[in-house]
C-alpha cells in the first residue's frame, strides 16, 4: 500500500490497484479524492486518508474519528494559513 511520489505526481496503490492519484498542475496538487486543489502537504494528507479508508479500517472507531477530524481540518484550512 505504498504512496509513490515523483516530482509532479503521487500514486496510492492498495492491493495492486491504483486507488487515488495526485498531479501537480501550475503549482497546485489535484487529488482524485478531493474536490479542490491542494498544496503538497495537504495532497499527501488526502492520499494518506484515502489509504486508511481503502484498507478497511473501521469507519466508526475512535482512531478514525481523530484521523478524519485532523485531516479535514488540515485539508480545509486556507493555503495562506500557517502549518498545523
C-alpha atoms as a PDB file:
ATOM      1  CA  UNK A   1       0.000   0.000   0.000  1.00  0.00           C
ATOM      2  CA  UNK A   2       2.648   2.472  -0.922  1.00  0.00           C
ATOM      3  CA  UNK A   3       2.298   6.059  -1.950  1.00  0.00           C
ATOM      4  CA  UNK A   4       4.765   6.586  -4.790  1.00  0.00           C
ATOM      5  CA  UNK A   5       5.987  10.156  -5.036  1.00  0.00           C
ATOM      6  CA  UNK A   6       7.533  11.783  -8.084  1.00  0.00           C
ATOM      7  CA  UNK A   7       8.162  15.440  -8.856  1.00  0.00           C
ATOM      8  CA  UNK A   8       4.709  16.153 -10.284  1.00  0.00           C
ATOM      9  CA  UNK A   9       2.716  13.017  -9.477  1.00  0.00           C
ATOM     10  CA  UNK A  10       1.771  10.855  -6.481  1.00  0.00           C
ATOM     11  CA  UNK A  11       0.030   7.493  -6.720  1.00  0.00           C
ATOM     12  CA  UNK A  12      -1.625   5.469  -3.955  1.00  0.00           C
ATOM     13  CA  UNK A  13      -1.805   1.737  -4.636  1.00  0.00           C
ATOM     14  CA  UNK A  14      -3.854  -0.594  -2.421  1.00  0.00           C
ATOM     15  CA  UNK A  15      -3.717  -4.353  -3.071  1.00  0.00           C
ATOM     16  CA  UNK A  16      -2.176  -3.798  -6.505  1.00  0.00           C
ATOM     17  CA  UNK A  17      -4.846  -1.326  -7.641  1.00  0.00           C
ATOM     18  CA  UNK A  18      -4.340   2.412  -8.057  1.00  0.00           C
ATOM     19  CA  UNK A  19      -6.805   3.875  -5.558  1.00  0.00           C
ATOM     20  CA  UNK A  20      -6.008   7.600  -5.761  1.00  0.00           C
ATOM     21  CA  UNK A  21      -3.666   9.919  -7.600  1.00  0.00           C
ATOM     22  CA  UNK A  22      -2.416  13.460  -7.228  1.00  0.00           C
ATOM     23  CA  UNK A  23      -0.981  15.534 -10.059  1.00  0.00           C
ATOM     24  CA  UNK A  24       0.729  18.916  -9.774  1.00  0.00           C
ATOM     25  CA  UNK A  25      -0.603  21.387 -12.306  1.00  0.00           C
ATOM     26  CA  UNK A  26       0.565  25.007 -12.273  1.00  0.00           C
ATOM     27  CA  UNK A  27       1.896  24.658  -8.725  1.00  0.00           C
ATOM     28  CA  UNK A  28      -1.271  23.150  -7.192  1.00  0.00           C
ATOM     29  CA  UNK A  29      -1.909  19.477  -6.481  1.00  0.00           C
ATOM     30  CA  UNK A  30      -5.132  17.978  -7.857  1.00  0.00           C
ATOM     31  CA  UNK A  31      -6.109  14.822  -5.947  1.00  0.00           C
ATOM     32  CA  UNK A  32      -8.686  12.411  -7.345  1.00  0.00           C
ATOM     33  CA  UNK A  33     -10.234  12.009  -3.877  1.00  0.00           C
ATOM     34  CA  UNK A  34     -10.513  15.711  -3.009  1.00  0.00           C
ATOM     35  CA  UNK A  35     -12.724  18.383  -4.631  1.00  0.00           C
ATOM     36  CA  UNK A  36     -10.281  21.301  -4.874  1.00  0.00           C
ATOM     37  CA  UNK A  37      -6.537  21.900  -5.460  1.00  0.00           C
ATOM     38  CA  UNK A  38      -4.174  21.468  -2.518  1.00  0.00           C
ATOM     39  CA  UNK A  39      -0.570  22.200  -1.620  1.00  0.00           C
ATOM     40  CA  UNK A  40       1.935  19.320  -1.421  1.00  0.00           C
ATOM     41  CA  UNK A  41       1.438  18.511   2.275  1.00  0.00           C
ATOM     42  CA  UNK A  42      -2.337  18.584   2.033  1.00  0.00           C
ATOM     43  CA  UNK A  43      -2.272  16.397  -1.092  1.00  0.00           C
ATOM     44  CA  UNK A  44      -0.154  13.839   0.768  1.00  0.00           C
ATOM     45  CA  UNK A  45      -2.599  14.007   3.689  1.00  0.00           C
ATOM     46  CA  UNK A  46      -5.534  13.389   1.324  1.00  0.00           C
ATOM     47  CA  UNK A  47      -3.786  10.319  -0.106  1.00  0.00           C
ATOM     48  CA  UNK A  48      -2.973   9.045   3.380  1.00  0.00           C
ATOM     49  CA  UNK A  49      -6.609   9.429   4.419  1.00  0.00           C
ATOM     50  CA  UNK A  50      -7.724   7.627   1.235  1.00  0.00           C
ATOM     51  CA  UNK A  51      -5.307   4.812   2.053  1.00  0.00           C
ATOM     52  CA  UNK A  52      -6.656   4.447   5.569  1.00  0.00           C
ATOM     53  CA  UNK A  53     -10.242   4.270   4.336  1.00  0.00           C
ATOM     54  CA  UNK A  54      -9.377   1.904   1.454  1.00  0.00           C
ATOM     55  CA  UNK A  55      -7.616  -0.585   3.723  1.00  0.00           C
ATOM     56  CA  UNK A  56     -10.727  -1.347   5.748  1.00  0.00           C
ATOM     57  CA  UNK A  57     -10.051   0.464   8.988  1.00  0.00           C
ATOM     58  CA  UNK A  58     -13.277   0.693  10.996  1.00  0.00           C
ATOM     59  CA  UNK A  59     -15.260   3.736   9.921  1.00  0.00           C
ATOM     60  CA  UNK A  60     -16.644   4.276  13.411  1.00  0.00           C
ATOM     61  CA  UNK A  61     -13.545   3.596  15.524  1.00  0.00           C
ATOM     62  CA  UNK A  62     -12.002   6.244  17.791  1.00  0.00           C
ATOM     63  CA  UNK A  63      -8.759   6.411  15.799  1.00  0.00           C
ATOM     64  CA  UNK A  64     -10.693   7.050  12.600  1.00  0.00           C
ATOM     65  CA  UNK A  65     -12.545   9.974  14.168  1.00  0.00           C
ATOM     66  CA  UNK A  66      -9.281  11.598  15.297  1.00  0.00           C
ATOM     67  CA  UNK A  67      -7.606  10.977  11.931  1.00  0.00           C
ATOM     68  CA  UNK A  68     -10.536  12.279   9.904  1.00  0.00           C
ATOM     69  CA  UNK A  69     -11.069  15.312  12.143  1.00  0.00           C
ATOM     70  CA  UNK A  70      -7.381  16.256  11.906  1.00  0.00           C
ATOM     71  CA  UNK A  71      -7.186  15.564   8.178  1.00  0.00           C
ATOM     72  CA  UNK A  72     -10.306  17.567   7.376  1.00  0.00           C
ATOM     73  CA  UNK A  73      -9.028  20.462   9.495  1.00  0.00           C
ATOM     74  CA  UNK A  74      -5.715  20.308   7.617  1.00  0.00           C
ATOM     75  CA  UNK A  75      -7.283  19.926   4.193  1.00  0.00           C
ATOM     76  CA  UNK A  76      -9.860  22.687   4.587  1.00  0.00           C
ATOM     77  CA  UNK A  77      -7.525  25.316   6.007  1.00  0.00           C
ATOM     78  CA  UNK A  78      -6.718  28.067   3.558  1.00  0.00           C
ATOM     79  CA  UNK A  79      -3.334  27.788   1.789  1.00  0.00           C
ATOM     80  CA  UNK A  80      -2.276  31.016   3.490  1.00  0.00           C
ATOM     81  CA  UNK A  81      -2.842  29.522   6.962  1.00  0.00           C
ATOM     82  CA  UNK A  82       0.237  28.603   8.953  1.00  0.00           C
ATOM     83  CA  UNK A  83       1.002  24.851   9.092  1.00  0.00           C
ATOM     84  CA  UNK A  84      -0.978  22.905  11.706  1.00  0.00           C
END
